[in-house]
């Protein structure tokens, strides 16, 4: 049933904080959407990629501005003990590119910022989805700055002995957390990350 409706397209009859009502052939169809979609949807015509959840006592229709958001939602539904409400909150809080970056870098804090997502749930999401990332999206490799190349060379030197993958992961985290840090500071922080301090 969930794949029955690929998308809905129509004018917006009503909008709330996290839903839109679309007029479709004289019928008002209420669709739960991320707040950013509810806010920015064009009133004259909106297209939503949908996912229908059928329960014994209800039908829940979720809509997303892009296919990527819907794929992220469907991917999250496969995580054990993560229901549609929490999956929807994650999609609402994190655009797909930020979500994928958090999964790739193992950034639990990005997921924990979402209401209702504790450390355990965030870890479960990371573990379940990390192996399927290649299907969700190809890895995006951001070019390294000169400063970052120096840090990676230092970390992978014989003296320190970290692998290229470990060094890159630490540098990518530092890029987000302290982009203005000096080379020395970045190396010191990277060592703290890699040693689990």
N, C-alpha and C. Protein backbone atom coordinates (compact mmCIF):
# COMPACT_ATOMS: atom_id res chain seq x y z
N UNK A 1 0.82 -1.21 0.00
CA UNK A 1 0.00 0.00 0.00
C UNK A 1 0.85 1.27 0.00
N UNK A 2 2.00 1.23 0.70
CA UNK A 2 2.78 2.46 0.91
C UNK A 2 3.26 3.06 -0.42
N UNK A 3 3.44 2.24 -1.46
CA UNK A 3 3.94 2.76 -2.73
C UNK A 3 2.82 3.12 -3.70
N UNK A 4 1.58 3.08 -3.23
CA UNK A 4 0.42 3.32 -4.09
C UNK A 4 0.40 4.73 -4.66
N UNK A 5 0.67 5.74 -3.81
CA UNK A 5 0.66 7.13 -4.26
C UNK A 5 2.09 7.61 -4.46
N UNK A 6 2.47 7.88 -5.68
CA UNK A 6 3.83 8.36 -5.95
C UNK A 6 3.95 9.84 -5.59
N UNK A 7 3.01 10.63 -6.06
CA UNK A 7 3.00 12.04 -5.68
C UNK A 7 1.59 12.61 -5.83
N UNK A 8 1.39 13.76 -5.20
CA UNK A 8 0.14 14.51 -5.33
C UNK A 8 0.49 15.90 -5.82
N UNK A 9 -0.35 16.44 -6.68
CA UNK A 9 -0.09 17.78 -7.20
C UNK A 9 -1.41 18.55 -7.25
N UNK A 10 -1.42 19.73 -6.65
CA UNK A 10 -2.64 20.52 -6.67
C UNK A 10 -2.45 21.81 -5.91
N UNK A 11 -3.47 22.69 -5.95
CA UNK A 11 -3.40 23.95 -5.22
C UNK A 11 -3.56 23.73 -3.72
N UNK A 12 -2.98 24.62 -2.94
CA UNK A 12 -3.07 24.54 -1.47
C UNK A 12 -4.36 25.21 -1.01
N UNK A 13 -5.23 24.43 -0.35
CA UNK A 13 -6.48 24.98 0.17
C UNK A 13 -6.30 25.49 1.59
N UNK A 14 -5.37 24.86 2.31
CA UNK A 14 -5.15 25.23 3.72
C UNK A 14 -3.75 24.81 4.10
N UNK A 15 -3.15 25.56 5.04
CA UNK A 15 -1.83 25.13 5.52
C UNK A 15 -1.74 25.31 7.03
N UNK A 16 -1.05 24.39 7.67
CA UNK A 16 -0.79 24.49 9.11
C UNK A 16 0.71 24.44 9.31
N UNK A 17 1.12 24.32 10.55
CA UNK A 17 2.56 24.31 10.84
C UNK A 17 3.26 23.12 10.19
N UNK A 18 2.58 21.94 10.20
CA UNK A 18 3.22 20.75 9.63
C UNK A 18 2.25 19.95 8.74
N UNK A 19 1.34 20.66 8.07
CA UNK A 19 0.47 19.97 7.12
C UNK A 19 0.00 20.94 6.03
N UNK A 20 -0.39 20.35 4.92
CA UNK A 20 -1.04 21.09 3.84
C UNK A 20 -2.31 20.34 3.46
N UNK A 21 -3.33 21.09 3.06
CA UNK A 21 -4.52 20.46 2.48
C UNK A 21 -4.51 20.84 1.00
N UNK A 22 -4.43 19.82 0.13
CA UNK A 22 -4.42 20.05 -1.31
C UNK A 22 -5.81 19.77 -1.87
N UNK A 23 -6.23 20.58 -2.82
CA UNK A 23 -7.51 20.34 -3.50
C UNK A 23 -7.25 19.46 -4.71
N UNK A 24 -7.82 18.24 -4.68
CA UNK A 24 -7.60 17.28 -5.76
C UNK A 24 -8.95 16.79 -6.26
N UNK A 25 -9.37 17.30 -7.42
CA UNK A 25 -10.65 16.89 -8.00
C UNK A 25 -11.82 17.12 -7.07
N UNK A 26 -11.83 18.25 -6.40
CA UNK A 26 -12.94 18.57 -5.50
C UNK A 26 -12.82 17.96 -4.12
N UNK A 27 -11.72 17.25 -3.85
CA UNK A 27 -11.49 16.62 -2.54
C UNK A 27 -10.33 17.33 -1.85
N UNK A 28 -10.47 17.63 -0.57
CA UNK A 28 -9.36 18.21 0.21
C UNK A 28 -8.55 17.11 0.85
N UNK A 29 -7.30 16.96 0.41
CA UNK A 29 -6.44 15.88 0.90
C UNK A 29 -5.42 16.47 1.89
N UNK A 30 -5.51 16.03 3.16
CA UNK A 30 -4.58 16.53 4.19
C UNK A 30 -3.31 15.68 4.19
N UNK A 31 -2.18 16.36 4.05
CA UNK A 31 -0.88 15.68 3.98
C UNK A 31 0.06 16.26 5.02
N UNK A 32 0.65 15.40 5.84
CA UNK A 32 1.65 15.88 6.81
C UNK A 32 2.94 16.18 6.06
N UNK A 33 3.48 17.39 6.27
CA UNK A 33 4.70 17.79 5.58
C UNK A 33 5.65 18.44 6.59
N UNK A 34 6.97 18.42 6.32
CA UNK A 34 7.90 19.14 7.19
C UNK A 34 7.53 20.63 7.25
N UNK A 35 7.71 21.27 8.41
CA UNK A 35 7.36 22.69 8.54
C UNK A 35 7.95 23.58 7.45
N UNK A 36 9.19 23.28 7.00
CA UNK A 36 9.80 24.13 5.96
C UNK A 36 9.01 24.04 4.65
N UNK A 37 8.41 22.86 4.40
CA UNK A 37 7.60 22.68 3.18
C UNK A 37 6.26 23.40 3.33
N UNK A 38 5.65 23.29 4.53
CA UNK A 38 4.37 23.96 4.78
C UNK A 38 4.53 25.47 4.59
N UNK A 39 5.67 25.97 5.03
CA UNK A 39 5.92 27.42 4.99
C UNK A 39 6.17 27.93 3.57
N UNK A 40 6.91 27.15 2.77
CA UNK A 40 7.36 27.65 1.47
C UNK A 40 6.53 27.17 0.28
N UNK A 41 5.56 26.29 0.50
CA UNK A 41 4.77 25.74 -0.62
C UNK A 41 4.04 26.86 -1.36
N UNK A 42 4.12 26.81 -2.69
CA UNK A 42 3.40 27.78 -3.53
C UNK A 42 1.90 27.50 -3.43
N UNK A 43 1.07 28.51 -3.13
CA UNK A 43 -0.36 28.24 -2.97
C UNK A 43 -1.05 27.77 -4.26
N UNK A 44 -0.57 28.27 -5.42
CA UNK A 44 -1.26 27.95 -6.68
C UNK A 44 -1.11 26.48 -7.07
N UNK A 45 0.08 25.92 -6.86
CA UNK A 45 0.31 24.53 -7.26
C UNK A 45 1.52 23.98 -6.51
N UNK A 46 1.32 22.87 -5.83
CA UNK A 46 2.43 22.24 -5.12
C UNK A 46 2.46 20.76 -5.49
N UNK A 47 3.68 20.23 -5.58
CA UNK A 47 3.85 18.80 -5.85
C UNK A 47 4.54 18.17 -4.65
N UNK A 48 3.94 17.12 -4.12
CA UNK A 48 4.50 16.45 -2.95
C UNK A 48 4.72 14.97 -3.26
N UNK A 49 5.93 14.48 -2.96
CA UNK A 49 6.23 13.05 -3.07
C UNK A 49 5.72 12.40 -1.79
N UNK A 50 4.86 11.41 -1.93
CA UNK A 50 4.11 10.93 -0.77
C UNK A 50 4.49 9.52 -0.31
N UNK A 51 4.16 9.28 0.95
CA UNK A 51 4.29 7.93 1.51
C UNK A 51 3.08 7.70 2.40
N UNK A 52 2.32 6.65 2.08
CA UNK A 52 1.10 6.34 2.82
C UNK A 52 1.37 5.22 3.82
N UNK A 53 0.98 5.47 5.07
CA UNK A 53 1.12 4.44 6.10
C UNK A 53 -0.28 3.99 6.50
N UNK A 54 -0.52 2.69 6.33
CA UNK A 54 -1.84 2.12 6.61
C UNK A 54 -1.80 1.43 7.96
N UNK A 55 -2.66 1.88 8.86
CA UNK A 55 -2.80 1.24 10.18
C UNK A 55 -4.21 0.65 10.27
N UNK A 56 -4.44 -0.17 11.30
CA UNK A 56 -5.76 -0.77 11.48
C UNK A 56 -6.85 0.29 11.58
N UNK A 57 -6.51 1.39 12.31
CA UNK A 57 -7.55 2.38 12.60
C UNK A 57 -7.33 3.73 11.90
N UNK A 58 -6.30 3.83 11.05
CA UNK A 58 -6.07 5.13 10.41
C UNK A 58 -5.19 5.00 9.16
N UNK A 59 -5.25 6.04 8.34
CA UNK A 59 -4.33 6.19 7.20
C UNK A 59 -3.53 7.45 7.46
N UNK A 60 -2.21 7.36 7.34
CA UNK A 60 -1.37 8.54 7.54
C UNK A 60 -0.65 8.83 6.24
N UNK A 61 -0.84 10.03 5.73
CA UNK A 61 -0.22 10.41 4.47
C UNK A 61 0.84 11.47 4.72
N UNK A 62 2.08 11.13 4.38
CA UNK A 62 3.21 12.05 4.56
C UNK A 62 3.64 12.54 3.18
N UNK A 63 3.97 13.82 3.10
CA UNK A 63 4.40 14.39 1.82
C UNK A 63 5.70 15.15 1.96
N UNK A 64 6.51 15.11 0.89
CA UNK A 64 7.83 15.74 0.93
C UNK A 64 8.08 16.51 -0.36
N UNK A 65 8.82 17.60 -0.23
CA UNK A 65 9.09 18.46 -1.38
C UNK A 65 9.99 17.78 -2.41
N UNK A 66 10.84 16.84 -1.96
CA UNK A 66 11.77 16.17 -2.88
C UNK A 66 11.72 14.66 -2.69
N UNK A 67 12.16 13.95 -3.72
CA UNK A 67 12.26 12.48 -3.62
C UNK A 67 13.26 12.09 -2.54
N UNK A 68 14.34 12.91 -2.43
CA UNK A 68 15.41 12.60 -1.45
C UNK A 68 14.86 12.59 -0.02
N UNK A 69 13.99 13.58 0.27
CA UNK A 69 13.39 13.62 1.61
C UNK A 69 12.53 12.38 1.85
N UNK A 70 11.77 12.00 0.84
CA UNK A 70 10.92 10.80 1.00
C UNK A 70 11.79 9.56 1.19
N UNK A 71 12.87 9.44 0.40
CA UNK A 71 13.76 8.26 0.55
C UNK A 71 14.36 8.22 1.95
N UNK A 72 14.71 9.40 2.47
CA UNK A 72 15.26 9.48 3.83
C UNK A 72 14.22 8.98 4.84
N UNK A 73 12.97 9.41 4.68
CA UNK A 73 11.87 9.01 5.56
C UNK A 73 11.66 7.49 5.50
N UNK A 74 11.60 6.95 4.29
CA UNK A 74 11.38 5.51 4.10
C UNK A 74 12.56 4.72 4.69
N UNK A 75 13.77 5.24 4.48
CA UNK A 75 14.96 4.59 5.06
C UNK A 75 14.89 4.56 6.57
N UNK A 76 14.43 5.66 7.18
CA UNK A 76 14.33 5.73 8.64
C UNK A 76 13.26 4.78 9.18
N UNK A 77 12.20 4.56 8.40
CA UNK A 77 11.13 3.64 8.84
C UNK A 77 11.64 2.21 9.01
N UNK A 78 12.76 1.90 8.35
CA UNK A 78 13.31 0.54 8.45
C UNK A 78 14.14 0.34 9.73
N UNK A 79 14.39 1.44 10.45
CA UNK A 79 15.17 1.32 11.69
C UNK A 79 14.26 0.77 12.79
N UNK A 80 14.68 -0.33 13.46
CA UNK A 80 13.82 -0.92 14.50
C UNK A 80 13.45 0.10 15.58
N UNK A 81 12.21 0.03 16.02
CA UNK A 81 11.66 0.88 17.09
C UNK A 81 11.66 2.38 16.77
N UNK A 82 11.79 2.72 15.50
CA UNK A 82 11.70 4.14 15.12
C UNK A 82 10.44 4.28 14.27
N UNK A 83 9.39 4.79 14.87
CA UNK A 83 8.11 4.88 14.17
C UNK A 83 8.06 6.07 13.22
N UNK A 84 6.93 6.21 12.51
CA UNK A 84 6.79 7.31 11.55
C UNK A 84 6.93 8.70 12.17
N UNK A 85 6.44 8.86 13.42
CA UNK A 85 6.49 10.18 14.07
C UNK A 85 7.94 10.65 14.24
N UNK A 86 8.80 9.76 14.77
CA UNK A 86 10.20 10.13 14.97
C UNK A 86 10.93 10.27 13.64
N UNK A 87 10.63 9.38 12.70
CA UNK A 87 11.25 9.45 11.37
C UNK A 87 10.90 10.80 10.73
N UNK A 88 9.64 11.19 10.88
CA UNK A 88 9.17 12.45 10.31
C UNK A 88 9.86 13.64 10.97
N UNK A 89 10.04 13.55 12.30
CA UNK A 89 10.75 14.64 13.02
C UNK A 89 12.18 14.80 12.52
N UNK A 90 12.83 13.68 12.27
CA UNK A 90 14.22 13.73 11.77
C UNK A 90 14.27 14.38 10.39
N UNK A 91 13.35 14.00 9.50
CA UNK A 91 13.31 14.59 8.16
C UNK A 91 13.02 16.09 8.26
N UNK A 92 12.12 16.45 9.19
CA UNK A 92 11.75 17.86 9.36
C UNK A 92 12.92 18.68 9.88
N UNK A 93 13.72 18.07 10.76
CA UNK A 93 14.82 18.81 11.40
C UNK A 93 16.07 18.88 10.53
N UNK A 94 16.33 17.82 9.77
CA UNK A 94 17.58 17.75 9.01
C UNK A 94 17.32 17.53 7.53
N UNK A 95 17.70 18.47 6.67
CA UNK A 95 17.61 18.22 5.23
C UNK A 95 18.47 17.00 4.87
N UNK A 96 18.14 16.28 3.79
CA UNK A 96 18.86 15.03 3.46
C UNK A 96 20.37 15.16 3.43
N UNK A 97 20.89 16.27 2.86
CA UNK A 97 22.37 16.39 2.77
C UNK A 97 23.00 16.48 4.16
N UNK A 98 22.35 17.18 5.10
CA UNK A 98 22.88 17.28 6.47
C UNK A 98 22.76 15.93 7.18
N UNK A 99 21.64 15.25 6.96
CA UNK A 99 21.41 13.95 7.57
C UNK A 99 22.47 12.95 7.09
N UNK A 100 22.71 12.91 5.77
CA UNK A 100 23.70 11.99 5.22
C UNK A 100 25.09 12.31 5.72
N UNK A 101 25.40 13.61 5.86
CA UNK A 101 26.72 14.01 6.38
C UNK A 101 26.87 13.54 7.83
N UNK A 102 25.79 13.63 8.61
CA UNK A 102 25.84 13.19 10.01
C UNK A 102 26.04 11.68 10.09
N UNK A 103 25.36 10.92 9.23
CA UNK A 103 25.52 9.46 9.22
C UNK A 103 26.94 9.10 8.81
N UNK A 104 27.43 9.77 7.75
CA UNK A 104 28.77 9.49 7.24
C UNK A 104 29.86 9.73 8.28
N UNK A 105 29.70 10.83 9.03
CA UNK A 105 30.75 11.19 9.98
C UNK A 105 30.48 10.63 11.39
N UNK A 106 29.37 9.90 11.55
CA UNK A 106 29.06 9.34 12.86
C UNK A 106 28.72 10.40 13.89
N UNK A 107 28.10 11.49 13.44
CA UNK A 107 27.81 12.63 14.30
C UNK A 107 26.50 12.43 15.07
N UNK A 108 26.60 11.83 16.26
CA UNK A 108 25.42 11.56 17.07
C UNK A 108 24.73 12.85 17.50
N UNK A 109 25.53 13.89 17.80
CA UNK A 109 24.95 15.13 18.33
C UNK A 109 23.96 15.77 17.37
N UNK A 110 24.21 15.65 16.06
CA UNK A 110 23.28 16.23 15.07
C UNK A 110 21.91 15.56 15.17
N UNK A 111 21.91 14.24 15.41
CA UNK A 111 20.65 13.51 15.52
C UNK A 111 19.98 13.74 16.86
N UNK A 112 20.82 13.87 17.91
CA UNK A 112 20.27 14.04 19.27
C UNK A 112 19.60 15.39 19.47
N UNK A 113 19.87 16.35 18.60
CA UNK A 113 19.23 17.66 18.71
C UNK A 113 17.74 17.59 18.40
N UNK A 114 17.33 16.52 17.75
CA UNK A 114 15.92 16.36 17.36
C UNK A 114 15.12 15.86 18.56
N UNK A 115 14.02 16.55 18.85
CA UNK A 115 13.18 16.21 20.00
C UNK A 115 12.73 14.75 19.92
N UNK A 116 12.94 14.03 21.01
CA UNK A 116 12.51 12.63 21.05
C UNK A 116 13.59 11.64 20.64
N UNK A 117 14.72 12.15 20.15
CA UNK A 117 15.83 11.26 19.75
C UNK A 117 16.90 11.30 20.83
N UNK A 118 17.01 10.23 21.58
CA UNK A 118 18.06 10.14 22.60
C UNK A 118 19.30 9.49 22.01
N UNK A 119 20.31 9.32 22.85
CA UNK A 119 21.58 8.74 22.38
C UNK A 119 21.38 7.34 21.81
N UNK A 120 20.60 6.52 22.52
CA UNK A 120 20.37 5.13 22.07
C UNK A 120 19.76 5.10 20.67
N UNK A 121 18.72 5.91 20.49
CA UNK A 121 18.03 5.94 19.19
C UNK A 121 18.96 6.47 18.11
N UNK A 122 19.72 7.52 18.45
CA UNK A 122 20.67 8.09 17.47
C UNK A 122 21.69 7.04 17.05
N UNK A 123 22.19 6.26 18.03
CA UNK A 123 23.16 5.20 17.71
C UNK A 123 22.53 4.13 16.81
N UNK A 124 21.27 3.78 17.10
CA UNK A 124 20.59 2.78 16.30
C UNK A 124 20.44 3.26 14.86
N UNK A 125 20.07 4.53 14.69
CA UNK A 125 19.93 5.10 13.35
C UNK A 125 21.26 5.03 12.61
N UNK A 126 22.35 5.42 13.30
CA UNK A 126 23.67 5.40 12.66
C UNK A 126 24.06 3.99 12.24
N UNK A 127 23.89 3.04 13.15
CA UNK A 127 24.29 1.66 12.87
C UNK A 127 23.47 1.09 11.71
N UNK A 128 22.15 1.30 11.75
CA UNK A 128 21.27 0.73 10.72
C UNK A 128 21.51 1.33 9.34
N UNK A 129 21.75 2.64 9.31
CA UNK A 129 21.80 3.31 8.00
C UNK A 129 23.21 3.48 7.43
N UNK A 130 24.24 3.36 8.26
CA UNK A 130 25.60 3.56 7.77
C UNK A 130 25.94 2.61 6.63
N UNK A 131 25.52 1.36 6.75
CA UNK A 131 25.82 0.36 5.73
C UNK A 131 25.05 0.55 4.43
N UNK A 132 23.96 1.33 4.51
CA UNK A 132 23.12 1.50 3.32
C UNK A 132 23.32 2.86 2.67
N UNK A 133 24.31 3.61 3.14
CA UNK A 133 24.50 4.97 2.63
C UNK A 133 24.73 5.03 1.13
N UNK A 134 25.47 4.08 0.62
CA UNK A 134 25.80 4.11 -0.81
C UNK A 134 24.53 4.04 -1.66
N UNK A 135 23.49 3.36 -1.13
CA UNK A 135 22.22 3.29 -1.87
C UNK A 135 21.48 4.62 -1.76
N UNK A 136 21.57 5.24 -0.59
CA UNK A 136 20.85 6.51 -0.39
C UNK A 136 21.46 7.64 -1.21
N UNK A 137 22.77 7.67 -1.24
CA UNK A 137 23.44 8.73 -2.01
C UNK A 137 24.91 8.40 -2.16
N UNK A 138 25.51 8.74 -3.28
CA UNK A 138 26.93 8.49 -3.44
C UNK A 138 27.72 9.39 -2.49
N UNK A 139 28.89 8.93 -2.02
CA UNK A 139 29.66 9.77 -1.11
C UNK A 139 30.07 11.08 -1.77
N UNK A 140 29.95 12.13 -1.00
CA UNK A 140 30.36 13.45 -1.49
C UNK A 140 31.72 13.76 -0.89
N UNK A 141 32.71 13.91 -1.72
CA UNK A 141 34.05 14.20 -1.23
C UNK A 141 34.30 15.70 -1.40
N UNK A 142 34.45 16.37 -0.27
CA UNK A 142 34.73 17.81 -0.31
C UNK A 142 36.23 17.98 -0.43
N UNK A 143 36.69 18.80 -1.38
CA UNK A 143 38.13 19.00 -1.52
C UNK A 143 38.75 19.54 -0.23
N UNK A 144 39.95 19.07 0.07
CA UNK A 144 40.63 19.50 1.30
C UNK A 144 41.35 20.83 1.06
N UNK A 145 41.30 21.69 2.07
CA UNK A 145 42.06 22.94 1.99
C UNK A 145 43.54 22.60 2.25
N UNK A 146 44.42 23.56 1.98
CA UNK A 146 45.87 23.33 2.23
C UNK A 146 46.10 22.98 3.69
N UNK A 147 45.43 23.74 4.57
CA UNK A 147 45.58 23.53 6.01
C UNK A 147 45.16 22.10 6.38
N UNK A 148 44.03 21.63 5.81
CA UNK A 148 43.54 20.29 6.11
C UNK A 148 44.47 19.22 5.58
N UNK A 149 45.08 19.48 4.41
CA UNK A 149 46.04 18.52 3.84
C UNK A 149 47.25 18.37 4.77
N UNK A 150 47.69 19.48 5.34
CA UNK A 150 48.84 19.45 6.27
C UNK A 150 48.46 18.61 7.50
N UNK A 151 47.25 18.82 8.02
CA UNK A 151 46.80 18.09 9.21
C UNK A 151 46.74 16.59 8.90
N UNK A 152 46.19 16.23 7.74
CA UNK A 152 46.08 14.81 7.36
C UNK A 152 47.46 14.19 7.19
N UNK A 153 48.38 14.94 6.57
CA UNK A 153 49.76 14.41 6.42
C UNK A 153 50.39 14.15 7.78
N UNK A 154 50.15 15.06 8.72
CA UNK A 154 50.72 14.90 10.08
C UNK A 154 50.11 13.68 10.77
N UNK A 155 48.80 13.53 10.65
CA UNK A 155 48.12 12.42 11.34
C UNK A 155 48.49 11.06 10.74
N UNK A 156 48.77 11.03 9.42
CA UNK A 156 49.09 9.75 8.77
C UNK A 156 50.60 9.50 8.70
N UNK A 157 51.37 10.40 9.32
CA UNK A 157 52.84 10.21 9.32
C UNK A 157 53.20 8.98 10.16
N UNK A 158 54.45 8.51 9.98
CA UNK A 158 54.89 7.33 10.74
C UNK A 158 54.84 7.59 12.24
N UNK A 159 55.09 8.84 12.62
CA UNK A 159 55.11 9.19 14.04
C UNK A 159 53.75 8.98 14.70
N UNK A 160 52.69 9.38 13.99
CA UNK A 160 51.34 9.26 14.59
C UNK A 160 50.61 8.01 14.12
N UNK A 161 50.79 7.65 12.85
CA UNK A 161 50.33 6.35 12.35
C UNK A 161 48.84 6.12 12.16
N UNK A 162 48.04 7.19 12.01
CA UNK A 162 46.61 6.98 11.75
C UNK A 162 46.39 6.71 10.26
N UNK A 163 45.29 6.03 9.96
CA UNK A 163 44.98 5.75 8.54
C UNK A 163 44.42 7.01 7.89
N UNK A 164 44.44 7.02 6.57
CA UNK A 164 43.88 8.15 5.80
C UNK A 164 42.39 8.35 6.15
N UNK A 165 41.65 7.23 6.26
CA UNK A 165 40.21 7.31 6.55
C UNK A 165 39.97 7.92 7.93
N UNK A 166 40.75 7.49 8.93
CA UNK A 166 40.60 8.03 10.29
C UNK A 166 40.91 9.53 10.31
N UNK A 167 42.00 9.89 9.63
CA UNK A 167 42.42 11.30 9.60
C UNK A 167 41.36 12.16 8.91
N UNK A 168 40.83 11.67 7.80
CA UNK A 168 39.81 12.44 7.06
C UNK A 168 38.55 12.64 7.91
N UNK A 169 38.14 11.57 8.60
CA UNK A 169 36.94 11.65 9.43
C UNK A 169 37.11 12.73 10.51
N UNK A 170 38.28 12.74 11.14
CA UNK A 170 38.55 13.74 12.19
C UNK A 170 38.56 15.15 11.60
N UNK A 171 39.19 15.29 10.43
CA UNK A 171 39.28 16.62 9.79
C UNK A 171 37.89 17.11 9.36
N UNK A 172 37.06 16.19 8.86
CA UNK A 172 35.70 16.60 8.46
C UNK A 172 34.89 17.09 9.66
N UNK A 173 35.10 16.44 10.78
CA UNK A 173 34.40 16.89 12.01
C UNK A 173 34.93 18.26 12.44
N UNK A 174 36.23 18.44 12.38
CA UNK A 174 36.83 19.72 12.77
C UNK A 174 36.40 20.84 11.83
N UNK A 175 36.20 20.49 10.55
CA UNK A 175 35.76 21.48 9.56
C UNK A 175 34.44 22.10 10.01
N UNK A 176 33.56 21.25 10.60
CA UNK A 176 32.27 21.75 11.08
C UNK A 176 32.40 22.48 12.41
N UNK A 177 33.21 21.90 13.31
CA UNK A 177 33.25 22.41 14.69
C UNK A 177 34.13 23.64 14.87
N UNK A 178 35.24 23.70 14.18
CA UNK A 178 36.16 24.84 14.38
C UNK A 178 36.91 25.16 13.08
N UNK A 179 36.20 25.68 12.09
CA UNK A 179 36.81 25.93 10.78
C UNK A 179 37.97 26.93 10.81
N UNK A 180 38.00 27.80 11.83
CA UNK A 180 39.04 28.84 11.88
C UNK A 180 40.29 28.41 12.67
N UNK A 181 40.31 27.19 13.18
CA UNK A 181 41.44 26.75 14.02
C UNK A 181 42.74 26.71 13.21
N UNK A 182 43.85 26.93 13.92
CA UNK A 182 45.17 26.87 13.28
C UNK A 182 45.53 25.41 13.03
N UNK A 183 46.58 25.18 12.23
CA UNK A 183 47.03 23.81 11.93
C UNK A 183 47.38 23.08 13.23
N UNK A 184 48.14 23.76 14.11
CA UNK A 184 48.56 23.13 15.37
C UNK A 184 47.34 22.75 16.22
N UNK A 185 46.38 23.68 16.28
CA UNK A 185 45.17 23.45 17.07
C UNK A 185 44.36 22.30 16.47
N UNK A 186 44.29 22.27 15.14
CA UNK A 186 43.55 21.19 14.47
C UNK A 186 44.18 19.83 14.75
N UNK A 187 45.50 19.77 14.70
CA UNK A 187 46.20 18.50 14.97
C UNK A 187 45.91 18.06 16.41
N UNK A 188 46.02 19.03 17.35
CA UNK A 188 45.78 18.70 18.77
C UNK A 188 44.34 18.19 18.96
N UNK A 189 43.38 18.89 18.35
CA UNK A 189 41.97 18.48 18.49
C UNK A 189 41.72 17.13 17.81
N UNK A 190 42.33 16.93 16.64
CA UNK A 190 42.15 15.67 15.90
C UNK A 190 42.68 14.50 16.72
N UNK A 191 43.82 14.71 17.39
CA UNK A 191 44.38 13.65 18.25
C UNK A 191 43.42 13.31 19.39
N UNK A 192 42.79 14.35 19.93
CA UNK A 192 41.83 14.13 21.03
C UNK A 192 40.64 13.32 20.51
N UNK A 193 40.16 13.67 19.31
CA UNK A 193 39.02 12.94 18.71
C UNK A 193 39.41 11.48 18.46
N UNK A 194 40.58 11.29 17.84
CA UNK A 194 40.99 9.94 17.44
C UNK A 194 41.36 9.05 18.63
N UNK A 195 41.75 9.69 19.73
CA UNK A 195 42.08 8.89 20.92
C UNK A 195 40.85 8.70 21.80
N UNK A 196 39.71 9.27 21.34
CA UNK A 196 38.46 9.11 22.08
C UNK A 196 38.37 9.96 23.32
N UNK A 197 39.23 11.00 23.40
CA UNK A 197 39.22 11.87 24.59
C UNK A 197 38.04 12.83 24.53
